[in-house]
Each structure stands twice: as C-alpha cells, then as structure tokens.
Amino acid sequence: QVQLVESGGGLVQAGGSLRLSCAASGLTFRSYAMGWFRQAPGQEREFVAAISWNGGSTDYADSVKGRFTISRDNTKNAGYLQMNSLKPEDTAVYYCAVRLNAYLNGGSRTEGWYGYWGQGTQVTVSS
C-alpha cells in the first residue's frame, strides 16, 4: 500500500526555520510529482508547494515564495520542505501528497489533483 509519512514539525519562533520530510513507500516515488499543503484551524486546506518527478519544475504559493523551498531525493523516496523566515501565519498542519503523474500543471495547486496523502505534521510558529 502507498504510505506517506511526514515528520519534522514542531514549535519554532518567528524568523526561525524548520525542515519537513515526507517519506514515501509503496510506489515508484521517482516517477511522480509531489506537493505540500497546509491547513490552519478554521481555514481551508491550501496549497504550499509542488515539485515535478525529477525536481526540474517547482511551484510555490505566493505566501511562501522566497521563504520555503521544496525538494526531493528520489534515491531515498523522500520529499522535503525547507521553511525559513517562518511567520505566525505559517502555523498549520502540513501534509505531503503524491500525484500519480510526473509533471506539474495548473492542477498541482488543487487537492483533487493528488491521489495519496500523508497524516500531517504540526508546525507552530510563535510570535
């Protein structure tokens, strides 16, 4: 079975950094695009970032561009989200997701574009 497991969340002060990891199993991870979404209390789940199968193409939400970096290591079946200059409004549960296709398009910002999701990891940024 396909399994995605996020880790690396925690509590950090504003301006600090965290690195989230997404470990994938049960699929040929290197063949597929993946992304990160987040959901804060009382808010809809929102797109954060996405990356194509080989990292050749990336996409970021305007709210995180310049601060977050999405990457992947296909030899480890893992994806990452490096988060710098964190703000309190970044507080949310962060989810990784995999699309069973290799490339990014406009749909990569839409939840329904992805077939598999992790359980989420909590990120809390204090002011």
N, C-alpha and C. Protein backbone atom coordinates (compact mmCIF):
# COMPACT_ATOMS: atom_id res chain seq x y z
N GLN A 1 0.84 -1.19 0.00
CA GLN A 1 0.00 0.00 0.00
C GLN A 1 0.87 1.24 0.00
N VAL A 2 0.38 2.29 -0.62
CA VAL A 2 1.08 3.56 -0.63
C VAL A 2 0.99 4.19 0.75
N GLN A 3 2.11 4.67 1.22
CA GLN A 3 2.14 5.34 2.51
C GLN A 3 3.06 6.56 2.42
N LEU A 4 2.57 7.68 2.92
CA LEU A 4 3.35 8.91 3.03
C LEU A 4 3.37 9.31 4.49
N VAL A 5 4.55 9.55 5.03
CA VAL A 5 4.69 9.89 6.44
C VAL A 5 5.50 11.17 6.57
N GLU A 6 4.86 12.21 7.11
CA GLU A 6 5.53 13.49 7.33
C GLU A 6 6.22 13.48 8.68
N SER A 7 7.28 14.25 8.78
CA SER A 7 7.97 14.45 10.04
C SER A 7 8.69 15.79 10.00
N GLY A 8 9.16 16.23 11.15
CA GLY A 8 9.94 17.45 11.22
C GLY A 8 9.19 18.66 11.74
N GLY A 9 7.90 18.52 11.99
CA GLY A 9 7.15 19.63 12.54
C GLY A 9 7.52 19.89 13.98
N GLY A 10 7.07 21.02 14.48
CA GLY A 10 7.35 21.38 15.86
C GLY A 10 7.05 22.83 16.12
N LEU A 11 7.56 23.31 17.23
CA LEU A 11 7.37 24.69 17.67
C LEU A 11 8.64 25.49 17.38
N VAL A 12 8.47 26.63 16.75
CA VAL A 12 9.60 27.47 16.41
C VAL A 12 9.20 28.94 16.56
N GLN A 13 10.15 29.78 16.90
CA GLN A 13 9.88 31.20 16.99
C GLN A 13 9.83 31.84 15.62
N ALA A 14 9.09 32.92 15.52
CA ALA A 14 9.04 33.67 14.27
C ALA A 14 10.46 34.02 13.82
N GLY A 15 10.69 33.85 12.52
CA GLY A 15 12.00 34.08 11.96
C GLY A 15 12.87 32.85 11.91
N GLY A 16 12.45 31.79 12.57
CA GLY A 16 13.21 30.56 12.60
C GLY A 16 12.93 29.68 11.40
N SER A 17 13.49 28.47 11.45
CA SER A 17 13.40 27.54 10.33
C SER A 17 13.03 26.15 10.80
N LEU A 18 12.37 25.42 9.92
CA LEU A 18 12.10 24.01 10.10
C LEU A 18 12.25 23.32 8.76
N ARG A 19 12.58 22.05 8.81
CA ARG A 19 12.67 21.23 7.61
C ARG A 19 11.73 20.05 7.77
N LEU A 20 10.72 19.99 6.93
CA LEU A 20 9.78 18.89 6.94
C LEU A 20 10.22 17.82 5.96
N SER A 21 9.97 16.58 6.33
CA SER A 21 10.29 15.45 5.47
C SER A 21 9.03 14.65 5.18
N CYS A 22 9.00 14.04 4.02
CA CYS A 22 7.91 13.15 3.63
C CYS A 22 8.53 11.87 3.10
N ALA A 23 8.38 10.80 3.84
CA ALA A 23 8.90 9.51 3.44
C ALA A 23 7.81 8.72 2.73
N ALA A 24 8.12 8.27 1.53
CA ALA A 24 7.14 7.56 0.71
C ALA A 24 7.51 6.09 0.59
N SER A 25 6.49 5.26 0.54
CA SER A 25 6.68 3.83 0.31
C SER A 25 5.49 3.28 -0.45
N GLY A 26 5.68 2.16 -1.11
CA GLY A 26 4.61 1.52 -1.82
C GLY A 26 4.32 2.06 -3.20
N LEU A 27 5.18 2.93 -3.71
CA LEU A 27 5.03 3.47 -5.04
C LEU A 27 6.39 3.83 -5.60
N THR A 28 6.44 3.99 -6.91
CA THR A 28 7.68 4.41 -7.57
C THR A 28 7.77 5.92 -7.47
N PHE A 29 8.25 6.37 -6.33
CA PHE A 29 8.23 7.78 -6.00
C PHE A 29 8.88 8.64 -7.07
N ARG A 30 9.98 8.17 -7.63
CA ARG A 30 10.72 8.96 -8.60
C ARG A 30 9.92 9.27 -9.86
N SER A 31 8.83 8.54 -10.08
CA SER A 31 8.04 8.72 -11.29
C SER A 31 6.97 9.79 -11.17
N TYR A 32 6.76 10.33 -9.98
CA TYR A 32 5.57 11.13 -9.74
C TYR A 32 5.86 12.48 -9.13
N ALA A 33 4.96 13.42 -9.43
CA ALA A 33 5.01 14.73 -8.80
C ALA A 33 4.54 14.63 -7.35
N MET A 34 4.99 15.57 -6.53
CA MET A 34 4.52 15.62 -5.15
C MET A 34 4.35 17.06 -4.72
N GLY A 35 3.59 17.24 -3.66
CA GLY A 35 3.34 18.59 -3.19
C GLY A 35 3.14 18.65 -1.70
N TRP A 36 3.07 19.87 -1.20
CA TRP A 36 2.78 20.15 0.20
C TRP A 36 1.58 21.07 0.29
N PHE A 37 0.69 20.75 1.21
CA PHE A 37 -0.46 21.59 1.54
C PHE A 37 -0.44 21.84 3.04
N ARG A 38 -1.22 22.82 3.47
CA ARG A 38 -1.34 23.08 4.90
C ARG A 38 -2.75 23.51 5.24
N GLN A 39 -3.13 23.28 6.49
CA GLN A 39 -4.45 23.65 6.95
C GLN A 39 -4.35 24.19 8.37
N ALA A 40 -4.77 25.43 8.54
CA ALA A 40 -4.81 26.06 9.84
C ALA A 40 -6.21 25.94 10.43
N PRO A 41 -6.35 26.02 11.75
CA PRO A 41 -7.68 25.92 12.36
C PRO A 41 -8.65 26.93 11.77
N GLY A 42 -9.83 26.47 11.41
CA GLY A 42 -10.85 27.33 10.87
C GLY A 42 -10.65 27.77 9.44
N GLN A 43 -9.64 27.24 8.78
CA GLN A 43 -9.34 27.62 7.41
C GLN A 43 -9.36 26.42 6.49
N GLU A 44 -9.50 26.69 5.22
CA GLU A 44 -9.45 25.63 4.22
C GLU A 44 -8.01 25.18 4.01
N ARG A 45 -7.88 23.96 3.57
CA ARG A 45 -6.56 23.46 3.22
C ARG A 45 -6.05 24.22 2.00
N GLU A 46 -4.81 24.67 2.06
CA GLU A 46 -4.28 25.49 0.99
C GLU A 46 -2.98 24.92 0.44
N PHE A 47 -2.76 25.20 -0.81
CA PHE A 47 -1.55 24.78 -1.50
C PHE A 47 -0.34 25.53 -0.97
N VAL A 48 0.77 24.82 -0.84
CA VAL A 48 2.03 25.42 -0.41
C VAL A 48 3.08 25.36 -1.51
N ALA A 49 3.36 24.15 -1.99
CA ALA A 49 4.41 23.99 -2.99
C ALA A 49 4.26 22.64 -3.67
N ALA A 50 4.82 22.53 -4.87
CA ALA A 50 4.80 21.27 -5.61
C ALA A 50 6.09 21.13 -6.39
N ILE A 51 6.42 19.89 -6.74
CA ILE A 51 7.65 19.61 -7.46
C ILE A 51 7.41 18.45 -8.41
N SER A 52 8.01 18.55 -9.60
CA SER A 52 7.86 17.50 -10.59
C SER A 52 8.72 16.29 -10.25
N TRP A 53 8.61 15.27 -11.05
CA TRP A 53 9.22 13.97 -10.74
C TRP A 53 10.72 14.04 -10.47
N ASN A 54 11.41 14.90 -11.22
CA ASN A 54 12.86 14.97 -11.09
C ASN A 54 13.34 16.29 -10.49
N GLY A 55 12.41 17.08 -9.99
CA GLY A 55 12.76 18.37 -9.41
C GLY A 55 12.99 19.46 -10.42
N GLY A 56 12.77 19.18 -11.70
CA GLY A 56 13.02 20.16 -12.73
C GLY A 56 12.04 21.31 -12.76
N SER A 57 10.90 21.13 -12.15
CA SER A 57 9.89 22.18 -12.12
C SER A 57 9.32 22.27 -10.71
N THR A 58 9.19 23.49 -10.21
CA THR A 58 8.60 23.72 -8.90
C THR A 58 7.56 24.82 -8.99
N ASP A 59 6.67 24.83 -8.02
CA ASP A 59 5.62 25.83 -7.94
C ASP A 59 5.40 26.16 -6.48
N TYR A 60 5.20 27.45 -6.18
CA TYR A 60 5.02 27.89 -4.81
C TYR A 60 3.83 28.83 -4.70
N ALA A 61 3.14 28.71 -3.59
CA ALA A 61 2.13 29.70 -3.27
C ALA A 61 2.80 31.05 -3.03
N ASP A 62 2.11 32.12 -3.39
CA ASP A 62 2.68 33.45 -3.19
C ASP A 62 3.05 33.71 -1.73
N SER A 63 2.30 33.14 -0.82
CA SER A 63 2.51 33.39 0.59
C SER A 63 3.82 32.83 1.12
N VAL A 64 4.41 31.87 0.40
CA VAL A 64 5.63 31.23 0.89
C VAL A 64 6.81 31.41 -0.05
N LYS A 65 6.58 31.93 -1.23
CA LYS A 65 7.65 32.06 -2.21
C LYS A 65 8.76 32.95 -1.66
N GLY A 66 9.98 32.50 -1.81
CA GLY A 66 11.13 33.21 -1.29
C GLY A 66 11.52 32.80 0.11
N ARG A 67 10.63 32.08 0.80
CA ARG A 67 10.91 31.62 2.16
C ARG A 67 10.99 30.10 2.26
N PHE A 68 10.17 29.41 1.48
CA PHE A 68 10.13 27.95 1.52
C PHE A 68 10.79 27.38 0.27
N THR A 69 11.39 26.22 0.41
CA THR A 69 11.99 25.52 -0.71
C THR A 69 11.57 24.06 -0.69
N ILE A 70 10.97 23.61 -1.78
CA ILE A 70 10.59 22.22 -1.90
C ILE A 70 11.69 21.47 -2.64
N SER A 71 11.96 20.26 -2.22
CA SER A 71 12.98 19.45 -2.87
C SER A 71 12.63 17.98 -2.71
N ARG A 72 13.40 17.14 -3.37
CA ARG A 72 13.18 15.71 -3.25
C ARG A 72 14.47 14.97 -3.47
N ASP A 73 14.55 13.79 -2.91
CA ASP A 73 15.67 12.89 -3.12
C ASP A 73 15.07 11.55 -3.49
N ASN A 74 15.01 11.29 -4.78
CA ASN A 74 14.35 10.08 -5.25
C ASN A 74 15.08 8.81 -4.85
N THR A 75 16.38 8.91 -4.59
CA THR A 75 17.12 7.74 -4.13
C THR A 75 16.70 7.32 -2.74
N LYS A 76 16.11 8.24 -1.99
CA LYS A 76 15.64 7.96 -0.64
C LYS A 76 14.12 7.89 -0.55
N ASN A 77 13.44 8.02 -1.68
CA ASN A 77 11.98 8.05 -1.70
C ASN A 77 11.44 9.09 -0.73
N ALA A 78 12.02 10.27 -0.78
CA ALA A 78 11.67 11.29 0.19
C ALA A 78 11.51 12.66 -0.45
N GLY A 79 10.59 13.43 0.08
CA GLY A 79 10.42 14.82 -0.29
C GLY A 79 10.63 15.70 0.93
N TYR A 80 10.95 16.97 0.68
CA TYR A 80 11.29 17.87 1.77
C TYR A 80 10.67 19.24 1.54
N LEU A 81 10.45 19.93 2.63
CA LEU A 81 10.04 21.33 2.58
C LEU A 81 10.88 22.09 3.59
N GLN A 82 11.82 22.86 3.10
CA GLN A 82 12.63 23.72 3.95
C GLN A 82 11.90 25.03 4.15
N MET A 83 11.62 25.38 5.38
CA MET A 83 10.85 26.56 5.71
C MET A 83 11.72 27.53 6.49
N ASN A 84 12.00 28.67 5.91
CA ASN A 84 12.79 29.71 6.54
C ASN A 84 11.95 30.94 6.79
N SER A 85 12.45 31.82 7.62
CA SER A 85 11.77 33.07 7.94
C SER A 85 10.31 32.83 8.30
N LEU A 86 10.09 31.88 9.16
CA LEU A 86 8.73 31.49 9.50
C LEU A 86 7.97 32.60 10.20
N LYS A 87 6.68 32.66 9.90
CA LYS A 87 5.78 33.65 10.46
C LYS A 87 4.67 32.95 11.22
N PRO A 88 4.05 33.63 12.18
CA PRO A 88 2.93 33.01 12.90
C PRO A 88 1.83 32.51 11.96
N GLU A 89 1.59 33.18 10.86
CA GLU A 89 0.57 32.75 9.93
C GLU A 89 0.92 31.48 9.18
N ASP A 90 2.15 30.99 9.34
CA ASP A 90 2.52 29.70 8.78
C ASP A 90 2.07 28.54 9.66
N THR A 91 1.57 28.84 10.84
CA THR A 91 1.10 27.80 11.76
C THR A 91 -0.02 27.00 11.12
N ALA A 92 0.15 25.70 11.04
CA ALA A 92 -0.82 24.83 10.39
C ALA A 92 -0.36 23.39 10.51
N VAL A 93 -1.24 22.48 10.14
CA VAL A 93 -0.85 21.10 9.91
C VAL A 93 -0.41 21.01 8.45
N TYR A 94 0.77 20.48 8.23
CA TYR A 94 1.32 20.37 6.88
C TYR A 94 1.22 18.93 6.38
N TYR A 95 0.74 18.78 5.17
CA TYR A 95 0.53 17.49 4.56
C TYR A 95 1.34 17.36 3.28
N CYS A 96 1.94 16.21 3.07
CA CYS A 96 2.53 15.93 1.77
C CYS A 96 1.56 15.07 0.97
N ALA A 97 1.67 15.17 -0.34
CA ALA A 97 0.78 14.46 -1.24
C ALA A 97 1.53 14.07 -2.50
N VAL A 98 1.08 12.99 -3.12
CA VAL A 98 1.68 12.49 -4.34
C VAL A 98 0.64 12.39 -5.43
N ARG A 99 1.00 12.86 -6.59
CA ARG A 99 0.19 12.74 -7.80
C ARG A 99 0.78 11.64 -8.66
N LEU A 100 -0.03 10.70 -9.09
CA LEU A 100 0.47 9.61 -9.90
C LEU A 100 0.62 10.06 -11.35
N ASN A 101 1.42 11.08 -11.53
CA ASN A 101 1.81 11.62 -12.80
C ASN A 101 3.12 12.35 -12.54
N ALA A 102 3.87 12.62 -13.57
CA ALA A 102 5.24 13.09 -13.39
C ALA A 102 5.40 14.60 -13.38
N TYR A 103 4.50 15.31 -14.04
CA TYR A 103 4.72 16.72 -14.30
C TYR A 103 3.70 17.61 -13.62
N LEU A 104 4.06 18.87 -13.49
CA LEU A 104 3.20 19.85 -12.88
C LEU A 104 2.38 20.58 -13.93
N ASN A 105 1.19 20.98 -13.54
CA ASN A 105 0.36 21.86 -14.33
C ASN A 105 -0.50 22.67 -13.37
N GLY A 106 -1.47 23.39 -13.90
CA GLY A 106 -2.31 24.19 -13.02
C GLY A 106 -3.01 23.40 -11.95
N GLY A 107 -3.30 22.15 -12.23
CA GLY A 107 -3.97 21.31 -11.27
C GLY A 107 -3.14 20.95 -10.06
N SER A 108 -1.84 21.19 -10.11
CA SER A 108 -0.98 20.85 -8.99
C SER A 108 -1.28 21.67 -7.74
N ARG A 109 -2.06 22.73 -7.89
CA ARG A 109 -2.46 23.55 -6.76
C ARG A 109 -3.81 23.13 -6.18
N THR A 110 -4.37 22.07 -6.70
CA THR A 110 -5.70 21.61 -6.32
C THR A 110 -5.62 20.28 -5.59
N GLU A 111 -6.32 20.18 -4.47
CA GLU A 111 -6.29 18.95 -3.68
C GLU A 111 -6.62 17.71 -4.51
N GLY A 112 -7.64 17.83 -5.36
CA GLY A 112 -8.11 16.69 -6.12
C GLY A 112 -7.13 16.17 -7.14
N TRP A 113 -6.10 16.91 -7.40
CA TRP A 113 -5.07 16.51 -8.35
C TRP A 113 -4.20 15.38 -7.79
N TYR A 114 -4.19 15.23 -6.48
CA TYR A 114 -3.32 14.27 -5.81
C TYR A 114 -4.09 13.02 -5.40
N GLY A 115 -3.42 11.89 -5.47
CA GLY A 115 -4.06 10.63 -5.14
C GLY A 115 -3.78 10.11 -3.76
N TYR A 116 -2.66 10.53 -3.16
CA TYR A 116 -2.26 10.00 -1.86
C TYR A 116 -1.79 11.11 -0.95
N TRP A 117 -2.11 10.97 0.33
CA TRP A 117 -1.82 11.99 1.34
C TRP A 117 -1.21 11.38 2.58
N GLY A 118 -0.33 12.13 3.21
CA GLY A 118 0.20 11.74 4.50
C GLY A 118 -0.73 12.14 5.63
N GLN A 119 -0.32 11.83 6.85
CA GLN A 119 -1.15 12.09 8.02
C GLN A 119 -1.03 13.51 8.54
N GLY A 120 -0.02 14.23 8.11
CA GLY A 120 0.19 15.59 8.53
C GLY A 120 1.15 15.72 9.69
N THR A 121 1.81 16.86 9.76
CA THR A 121 2.68 17.18 10.88
C THR A 121 2.44 18.63 11.28
N GLN A 122 2.35 18.87 12.58
CA GLN A 122 2.00 20.19 13.09
C GLN A 122 3.21 21.11 13.10
N VAL A 123 3.01 22.31 12.57
CA VAL A 123 4.00 23.37 12.64
C VAL A 123 3.37 24.54 13.38
N THR A 124 4.01 24.97 14.44
CA THR A 124 3.53 26.10 15.22
C THR A 124 4.62 27.15 15.31
N VAL A 125 4.30 28.37 14.90
CA VAL A 125 5.25 29.47 14.90
C VAL A 125 4.78 30.50 15.91
N SER A 126 5.58 30.76 16.91
CA SER A 126 5.22 31.72 17.94
C SER A 126 5.75 33.10 17.58
N SER A 127 5.05 34.12 18.04
CA SER A 127 5.44 35.49 17.76
C SER A 127 6.44 35.99 18.77
